[in-house]
Amino acid sequence: MGVNNVLVNDDLSSLETSNYQFWQSHFYEVGFSWKTRMDREASKLYFKYGISFLWNNLRPEDNKYHVKNGNQTDLAVHPEDLSENRLRHVQMNFPVHLEWDFSRNGEYSDGYKRDRRNQSVRIGVGAFAGFKLGTRQYIEYKDNTGVNIEELQKDNFNMNIFNYGVSAYIAYRSTGFYIKQDLNPLFKGTNISNFSMGIRFDFD
């Protein structure tokens, strides 16, 4: 889990001028993963792979919301004062990582070494690929009579269905810092891509 935003032309400095709120745009991810040793003997290098479900939320700044104009999706100022505005897209991903687990291996009485995992520093680098399961925009405001209005808009908003990217983490035992970036454009015909960073928990 962590914060979610977009990059323009894969440039990290573009976060400073992003149209989305940085600390209010969140992502949540949950899944299962497996680790396979890269060597027959106990070692520190593993191939880690799995499946995950990801909820990405983007909250525009300055009372803006997403408007679909044909094959293009724009940010426009809403005529009402919005109390809630977020675009959520849900994905199914298949992440793969090479992981270096520096846990000290154990040893049986006969001298045979055995794996000890998630007991020390771990570093993982890899990639992911997947597809979107759905996209929704949530809007809430009070109209001129004081009535609370809640809108749920269902559409793909010209988002790319398939997504892929790179990710990495550094952890101590079960807790780590996680970063990932989509390499495909978030919206069709644009140069912006999704970017996330946060904390990761591995329960082994």
Protein backbone atom coordinates (compact mmCIF):
# COMPACT_ATOMS: atom_id res chain seq x y z
CA MET A 1 0.00 0.00 0.00
CA GLY A 2 1.11 3.57 -0.53
CA VAL A 3 0.79 6.69 -2.68
CA ASN A 4 -0.11 6.69 -6.35
CA ASN A 5 0.41 9.31 -9.07
CA VAL A 6 1.47 9.76 -12.70
CA LEU A 7 4.69 10.60 -14.52
CA VAL A 8 4.96 12.56 -17.76
CA ASN A 9 7.49 11.07 -20.21
CA ASP A 10 8.79 8.83 -17.40
CA ASP A 11 10.26 11.93 -15.70
CA LEU A 12 10.24 11.85 -11.87
CA SER A 13 10.43 15.64 -11.71
CA SER A 14 6.97 15.80 -13.33
CA LEU A 15 5.51 14.79 -9.94
CA GLU A 16 6.07 18.40 -8.85
CA THR A 17 3.55 19.66 -11.42
CA SER A 18 1.17 16.71 -11.38
CA ASN A 19 -2.58 17.33 -11.75
CA TYR A 20 -3.20 14.76 -8.99
CA GLN A 21 -2.95 15.07 -5.23
CA PHE A 22 0.14 13.22 -4.09
CA TRP A 23 -0.65 12.13 -0.53
CA GLN A 24 -4.39 11.66 -1.16
CA SER A 25 -4.00 9.35 -4.18
CA HIS A 26 -3.46 5.82 -2.87
CA PHE A 27 -2.93 2.29 -4.07
CA TYR A 28 -3.65 -1.03 -2.37
CA GLU A 29 -2.37 -4.39 -3.54
CA VAL A 30 -2.87 -7.90 -2.20
CA GLY A 31 -1.75 -11.23 -3.60
CA PHE A 32 0.13 -14.48 -3.30
CA SER A 33 3.76 -15.15 -4.18
CA TRP A 34 6.11 -18.10 -4.28
CA LYS A 35 9.90 -18.32 -4.07
CA THR A 36 12.09 -20.81 -5.93
CA ARG A 37 15.81 -21.18 -5.28
CA MET A 38 18.04 -20.40 -8.24
CA ASP A 39 20.45 -23.12 -7.09
CA ARG A 40 19.94 -26.69 -5.92
CA GLU A 41 21.92 -25.92 -2.79
CA ALA A 42 20.81 -23.40 -0.16
CA SER A 43 21.63 -19.96 -1.54
CA LYS A 44 20.66 -16.31 -1.31
CA LEU A 45 19.21 -15.82 -4.81
CA TYR A 46 15.56 -16.67 -5.50
CA PHE A 47 13.04 -16.38 -8.29
CA LYS A 48 9.87 -14.85 -6.82
CA TYR A 49 6.59 -14.89 -8.75
CA GLY A 50 2.91 -14.58 -8.05
CA ILE A 51 -0.46 -13.02 -8.71
CA SER A 52 -1.94 -9.85 -7.25
CA PHE A 53 -4.98 -7.59 -7.34
CA LEU A 54 -4.32 -3.87 -7.39
CA TRP A 55 -6.57 -0.88 -6.62
CA ASN A 56 -5.15 2.41 -7.97
CA ASN A 57 -6.81 5.69 -6.93
CA LEU A 58 -6.12 9.07 -8.52
CA ARG A 59 -7.55 12.25 -6.98
CA PRO A 60 -7.33 15.32 -9.25
CA GLU A 61 -6.45 18.73 -7.85
CA ASP A 62 -8.33 22.03 -8.17
CA ASN A 63 -11.85 20.56 -8.15
CA LYS A 64 -11.25 18.73 -11.44
CA TYR A 65 -12.68 15.44 -12.66
CA HIS A 66 -12.21 13.19 -15.68
CA VAL A 67 -14.34 13.81 -18.77
CA LYS A 68 -14.36 11.45 -21.72
CA ASN A 69 -14.38 13.26 -25.07
CA GLY A 70 -14.47 10.55 -27.72
CA ASN A 71 -11.04 8.90 -27.85
CA GLN A 72 -9.58 11.44 -25.43
CA THR A 73 -9.99 11.83 -21.68
CA ASP A 74 -9.51 15.31 -20.20
CA LEU A 75 -9.47 16.90 -16.77
CA ALA A 76 -12.16 19.58 -16.43
CA VAL A 77 -13.28 21.81 -13.57
CA HIS A 78 -16.55 20.57 -12.07
CA PRO A 79 -19.30 23.22 -11.73
CA GLU A 80 -19.98 22.12 -8.13
CA ASP A 81 -17.65 22.16 -5.13
CA LEU A 82 -16.58 18.52 -4.91
CA SER A 83 -16.15 16.88 -1.52
CA GLU A 84 -15.03 13.59 -3.10
CA ASN A 85 -13.48 12.90 -6.49
CA ARG A 86 -11.37 9.91 -7.40
CA LEU A 87 -10.75 7.70 -10.40
CA ARG A 88 -10.20 4.08 -9.44
CA HIS A 89 -8.93 1.35 -11.73
CA VAL A 90 -8.57 -2.25 -10.61
CA GLN A 91 -5.95 -4.57 -12.10
CA MET A 92 -4.91 -8.18 -12.01
CA ASN A 93 -1.10 -8.40 -12.19
CA PHE A 94 1.50 -11.14 -12.47
CA PRO A 95 4.72 -9.91 -10.83
CA VAL A 96 8.12 -11.62 -11.11
CA HIS A 97 11.26 -10.64 -9.19
CA LEU A 98 14.79 -11.78 -8.63
CA GLU A 99 15.27 -11.62 -4.88
CA TRP A 100 18.47 -11.59 -2.90
CA ASP A 101 17.67 -12.82 0.62
CA PHE A 102 20.65 -12.25 2.92
CA SER A 103 19.24 -14.34 5.75
CA ARG A 104 21.88 -16.58 7.29
CA ASN A 105 21.23 -20.17 6.25
CA GLY A 106 20.87 -22.82 8.91
CA GLU A 107 22.77 -26.09 9.08
CA TYR A 108 21.72 -29.58 10.10
CA SER A 109 23.89 -31.79 12.32
CA ASP A 110 25.16 -33.66 9.25
CA GLY A 111 26.45 -30.39 7.76
CA TYR A 112 23.68 -30.02 5.17
CA LYS A 113 22.62 -26.39 4.81
CA ARG A 114 18.97 -25.34 4.87
CA ASP A 115 17.24 -22.18 3.80
CA ARG A 116 16.26 -19.45 6.20
CA ARG A 117 14.12 -16.82 4.53
CA ASN A 118 12.79 -13.38 5.49
CA GLN A 119 15.13 -13.18 8.49
CA SER A 120 17.37 -10.37 7.26
CA VAL A 121 17.74 -7.83 4.44
CA ARG A 122 16.07 -8.65 1.13
CA ILE A 123 16.37 -6.89 -2.23
CA GLY A 124 14.08 -7.59 -5.17
CA VAL A 125 14.07 -6.27 -8.74
CA GLY A 126 11.69 -7.32 -11.46
CA ALA A 127 8.69 -6.59 -13.61
CA PHE A 128 4.98 -7.21 -13.91
CA ALA A 129 2.28 -7.56 -16.53
CA GLY A 130 -1.48 -7.68 -16.25
CA PHE A 131 -4.79 -6.22 -17.31
CA LYS A 132 -7.48 -3.95 -15.95
CA LEU A 133 -10.63 -5.44 -14.46
CA GLY A 134 -12.62 -2.22 -14.27
CA THR A 135 -12.56 1.57 -13.92
CA ARG A 136 -14.90 3.83 -11.94
CA GLN A 137 -15.08 7.51 -11.09
CA TYR A 138 -16.59 8.57 -7.76
CA ILE A 139 -17.95 12.11 -7.36
CA GLU A 140 -19.71 13.66 -4.34
CA TYR A 141 -21.02 17.18 -3.79
CA LYS A 142 -23.97 19.19 -2.45
CA ASP A 143 -26.32 20.75 -4.98
CA ASN A 144 -27.77 24.26 -4.65
CA THR A 145 -30.58 22.94 -2.43
CA GLY A 146 -28.13 21.31 0.02
CA VAL A 147 -28.87 17.75 -1.11
CA ASN A 148 -25.89 15.38 -1.02
CA ILE A 149 -25.22 13.96 -4.49
CA GLU A 150 -23.14 10.82 -5.00
CA GLU A 151 -22.24 9.77 -8.54
CA LEU A 152 -20.68 6.49 -9.64
CA GLN A 153 -19.51 6.60 -13.26
CA LYS A 154 -18.57 3.31 -14.93
CA ASP A 155 -16.46 3.46 -18.07
CA ASN A 156 -12.95 2.64 -19.24
CA PHE A 157 -12.18 6.38 -19.66
CA ASN A 158 -9.88 5.47 -22.58
CA MET A 159 -7.48 3.65 -20.28
CA ASN A 160 -5.25 0.96 -21.75
CA ILE A 161 -6.54 -2.49 -20.85
CA PHE A 162 -3.15 -4.17 -20.68
CA ASN A 163 -0.45 -2.85 -18.38
CA TYR A 164 3.17 -3.73 -17.76
CA GLY A 165 6.09 -2.19 -15.94
CA VAL A 166 9.02 -2.54 -13.56
CA SER A 167 9.17 -2.76 -9.79
CA ALA A 168 11.67 -3.13 -6.97
CA TYR A 169 11.79 -3.36 -3.18
CA ILE A 170 14.22 -3.38 -0.31
CA ALA A 171 13.08 -4.99 2.92
CA TYR A 172 14.15 -6.14 6.33
CA ARG A 173 12.46 -9.35 7.35
CA SER A 174 8.78 -9.02 6.38
CA THR A 175 8.57 -5.21 5.91
CA GLY A 176 10.01 -3.20 3.05
CA PHE A 177 9.89 -0.15 0.81
CA TYR A 178 8.27 -0.79 -2.59
CA ILE A 179 8.30 1.19 -5.84
CA LYS A 180 6.78 0.46 -9.23
CA GLN A 181 6.16 2.21 -12.54
CA ASP A 182 3.95 1.30 -15.46
CA LEU A 183 5.78 1.49 -18.79
CA ASN A 184 2.58 1.70 -20.82
CA PRO A 185 0.57 4.95 -21.07
CA LEU A 186 -2.23 5.17 -18.52
CA PHE A 187 -4.63 6.71 -21.05
CA LYS A 188 -4.55 5.89 -24.75
CA GLY A 189 -2.78 8.49 -26.86
CA THR A 190 -1.00 10.15 -23.92
CA ASN A 191 2.53 10.22 -22.51
CA ILE A 192 1.59 9.75 -18.83
CA SER A 193 2.14 6.54 -16.89
CA ASN A 194 1.19 5.32 -13.45
CA PHE A 195 3.76 5.54 -10.64
CA SER A 196 3.46 4.13 -7.10
CA MET A 197 5.57 3.81 -3.98
CA GLY A 198 4.85 2.61 -0.49
CA ILE A 199 5.35 -0.22 1.97
CA ARG A 200 5.23 -3.94 1.34
CA PHE A 201 4.59 -6.84 3.72
CA ASP A 202 5.64 -10.43 2.98
CA PHE A 203 4.18 -13.06 5.25
CA ASP A 204 6.09 -16.32 4.85
